[in-house]
């Protein structure tokens, strides 16, 4: 009973922080374009990878909150070239030693046809299952070049704000939504 109550409180916290409400298609288009520009300005490796990617999955604002049990939610879009190919949400649930709230964005560069097809064909893609996703931190980015790209997808987490230790997209479920 206590764990159910804590889970409900954590998910309510995500909604109250402000990023969990549904955005319009126009809002997502604008926010995704701004997020990509911010990522490219702060991480030149991301822009280089973007030129080689078959598609880009952009989540400009994920809100995460938790107290033992936690959750994260955000909406984004899949871009194939300059066109929007669909809208998606990212949902994560977690439990463990955690307390706080934060927001962040993440972008997944889909490098192979297999990865793009997997996103299109599944009714909810869980990161960590299916195509190989490499989360790019500063150490990985230093050693990454367009000639060394060999994995299905590369994810960049950026624009972290708030008070919560650690960010992970492992275990996030990405599902297509209608807009």
Protein backbone atom coordinates (compact mmCIF):
# COMPACT_ATOMS: atom_id res chain seq x y z
CA UNK A 1 0.00 0.00 0.00
CA UNK A 2 2.79 2.40 0.92
CA UNK A 3 4.66 1.68 -2.32
CA UNK A 4 1.53 2.35 -4.39
CA UNK A 5 1.00 5.66 -2.60
CA UNK A 6 4.62 6.68 -3.15
CA UNK A 7 4.42 5.77 -6.84
CA UNK A 8 1.28 7.88 -7.22
CA UNK A 9 2.96 10.82 -5.45
CA UNK A 10 6.03 10.52 -7.71
CA UNK A 11 3.96 10.49 -10.90
CA UNK A 12 1.85 13.42 -9.66
CA UNK A 13 5.10 15.30 -9.02
CA UNK A 14 6.11 14.76 -12.65
CA UNK A 15 2.80 16.26 -13.77
CA UNK A 16 3.07 19.22 -11.40
CA UNK A 17 6.61 20.14 -12.45
CA UNK A 18 5.10 21.36 -15.71
CA UNK A 19 6.46 19.33 -18.60
CA UNK A 20 3.99 16.49 -18.65
CA UNK A 21 1.06 18.18 -20.32
CA UNK A 22 0.42 17.34 -23.97
CA UNK A 23 2.00 19.78 -26.41
CA UNK A 24 0.57 20.76 -29.77
CA UNK A 25 2.29 19.60 -32.94
CA UNK A 26 3.45 23.18 -33.55
CA UNK A 27 4.93 23.39 -30.04
CA UNK A 28 6.78 20.09 -30.51
CA UNK A 29 8.11 21.16 -33.92
CA UNK A 30 9.42 24.46 -32.55
CA UNK A 31 10.81 22.97 -29.33
CA UNK A 32 12.50 20.09 -31.18
CA UNK A 33 14.19 22.44 -33.65
CA UNK A 34 15.41 24.65 -30.78
CA UNK A 35 16.63 21.60 -28.83
CA UNK A 36 18.64 20.37 -31.81
CA UNK A 37 20.23 23.80 -32.28
CA UNK A 38 21.13 23.93 -28.57
CA UNK A 39 22.62 20.41 -28.71
CA UNK A 40 24.65 21.17 -31.86
CA UNK A 41 25.99 24.40 -30.35
CA UNK A 42 27.15 22.61 -27.20
CA UNK A 43 28.34 19.37 -28.80
CA UNK A 44 29.86 19.46 -32.32
CA UNK A 45 30.02 15.64 -32.41
CA UNK A 46 26.21 15.55 -32.32
CA UNK A 47 25.94 17.73 -35.40
CA UNK A 48 28.46 15.59 -37.27
CA UNK A 49 26.50 12.44 -36.39
CA UNK A 50 23.24 14.11 -37.47
CA UNK A 51 24.57 14.39 -41.03
CA UNK A 52 25.06 10.58 -41.13
CA UNK A 53 21.81 9.62 -39.34
CA UNK A 54 18.85 8.13 -41.20
CA UNK A 55 16.44 9.68 -38.67
CA UNK A 56 16.52 11.71 -35.46
CA UNK A 57 14.25 11.16 -32.45
CA UNK A 58 14.06 14.42 -30.45
CA UNK A 59 12.66 14.79 -26.93
CA UNK A 60 13.19 18.48 -26.08
CA UNK A 61 11.83 18.34 -22.52
CA UNK A 62 11.63 15.31 -20.26
CA UNK A 63 10.47 15.94 -16.68
CA UNK A 64 11.62 13.49 -14.01
CA UNK A 65 10.59 13.38 -10.35
CA UNK A 66 10.86 10.84 -7.62
CA UNK A 67 10.98 9.96 -3.97
CA UNK A 68 12.03 6.29 -3.80
CA UNK A 69 9.59 5.65 -6.69
CA UNK A 70 9.89 7.96 -9.64
CA UNK A 71 8.81 8.66 -13.15
CA UNK A 72 9.74 10.68 -16.20
CA UNK A 73 7.65 11.85 -19.14
CA UNK A 74 8.08 13.92 -22.27
CA UNK A 75 6.93 14.23 -25.84
CA UNK A 76 8.94 14.57 -29.01
CA UNK A 77 9.13 13.81 -32.68
CA UNK A 78 10.86 11.62 -35.22
CA UNK A 79 12.50 13.57 -38.01
CA UNK A 80 13.57 12.01 -41.29
CA UNK A 81 15.59 14.72 -42.95
CA UNK A 82 13.78 18.02 -42.39
CA UNK A 83 10.32 16.37 -42.26
CA UNK A 84 8.47 15.20 -39.16
CA UNK A 85 7.69 11.49 -39.52
CA UNK A 86 5.65 11.12 -36.33
CA UNK A 87 5.18 12.16 -32.73
CA UNK A 88 6.25 10.06 -29.74
CA UNK A 89 6.25 10.05 -25.98
CA UNK A 90 8.94 8.80 -23.62
CA UNK A 91 7.85 7.24 -20.31
CA UNK A 92 10.14 5.92 -17.58
CA UNK A 93 9.37 4.44 -14.19
CA UNK A 94 12.03 3.80 -11.57
CA UNK A 95 12.54 2.89 -7.95
CA UNK A 96 15.49 3.02 -5.63
CA UNK A 97 17.52 5.58 -3.77
CA UNK A 98 16.25 8.79 -5.40
CA UNK A 99 14.70 12.09 -4.42
CA UNK A 100 14.13 15.29 -6.35
CA UNK A 101 12.97 16.62 -9.69
CA UNK A 102 14.69 17.67 -12.88
CA UNK A 103 14.17 18.29 -16.55
CA UNK A 104 16.40 17.43 -19.48
CA UNK A 105 16.25 16.76 -23.19
CA UNK A 106 17.56 13.88 -25.22
CA UNK A 107 18.11 13.12 -28.86
CA UNK A 108 18.58 9.68 -30.40
CA UNK A 109 20.31 9.55 -33.79
CA UNK A 110 19.09 6.44 -35.64
CA UNK A 111 21.96 5.36 -37.87
CA UNK A 112 20.63 2.24 -39.59
CA UNK A 113 17.53 1.28 -41.54
CA UNK A 114 17.07 -1.51 -38.97
CA UNK A 115 16.81 1.06 -36.14
CA UNK A 116 14.34 3.27 -38.02
CA UNK A 117 12.23 0.26 -39.00
CA UNK A 118 12.21 -0.93 -35.38
CA UNK A 119 10.83 2.42 -34.17
CA UNK A 120 8.15 2.35 -36.89
CA UNK A 121 7.12 -1.28 -36.41
CA UNK A 122 7.00 -1.66 -32.63
CA UNK A 123 4.07 -0.57 -30.50
CA UNK A 124 6.37 0.88 -27.91
CA UNK A 125 10.14 0.68 -28.08
CA UNK A 126 12.01 0.17 -24.83
CA UNK A 127 15.52 1.61 -24.89
CA UNK A 128 17.86 -1.20 -23.99
CA UNK A 129 15.80 -3.72 -25.98
CA UNK A 130 16.11 -3.92 -29.77
CA UNK A 131 18.66 -1.75 -31.60
CA UNK A 132 21.94 -1.03 -29.84
CA UNK A 133 21.84 2.48 -28.33
CA UNK A 134 25.06 4.13 -27.16
CA UNK A 135 24.55 6.97 -24.68
CA UNK A 136 27.16 9.56 -25.61
CA UNK A 137 28.77 11.38 -22.68
CA UNK A 138 31.76 13.72 -22.86
CA UNK A 139 34.24 10.83 -22.76
CA UNK A 140 32.57 8.92 -25.59
CA UNK A 141 32.09 12.11 -27.64
CA UNK A 142 35.82 12.86 -27.50
CA UNK A 143 36.61 9.55 -29.21
CA UNK A 144 33.68 9.50 -31.63
CA UNK A 145 33.98 10.48 -35.26
CA UNK A 146 31.78 9.89 -38.26
CA UNK A 147 34.23 7.22 -39.45
CA UNK A 148 33.95 5.22 -36.19
CA UNK A 149 30.14 5.05 -36.08
CA UNK A 150 29.15 1.38 -35.95
CA UNK A 151 26.13 1.13 -33.62
CA UNK A 152 22.43 1.37 -34.50
CA UNK A 153 21.74 4.54 -32.50
CA UNK A 154 23.51 7.24 -30.48
CA UNK A 155 21.76 9.17 -27.70
CA UNK A 156 22.76 12.55 -26.27
CA UNK A 157 21.31 13.87 -23.01
CA UNK A 158 21.49 17.66 -22.65
CA UNK A 159 20.14 20.73 -20.87
CA UNK A 160 19.82 19.13 -17.43
CA UNK A 161 18.17 21.36 -14.81
CA UNK A 162 16.94 20.61 -11.33
CA UNK A 163 17.93 18.71 -8.22
CA UNK A 164 18.15 14.98 -8.77
CA UNK A 165 21.22 12.82 -9.00
CA UNK A 166 21.78 11.04 -12.28
CA UNK A 167 19.90 10.76 -15.56
CA UNK A 168 19.41 7.60 -17.53
CA UNK A 169 17.27 6.82 -20.54
CA UNK A 170 17.77 3.08 -20.10
CA UNK A 171 14.37 1.51 -19.59
CA UNK A 172 12.48 4.39 -21.21
CA UNK A 173 9.56 3.27 -23.34
CA UNK A 174 9.02 5.27 -26.52
CA UNK A 175 5.58 5.05 -28.13
CA UNK A 176 3.97 6.72 -31.11
CA UNK A 177 1.23 9.23 -30.26
CA UNK A 178 -1.27 11.14 -32.40
CA UNK A 179 -1.12 14.91 -32.82
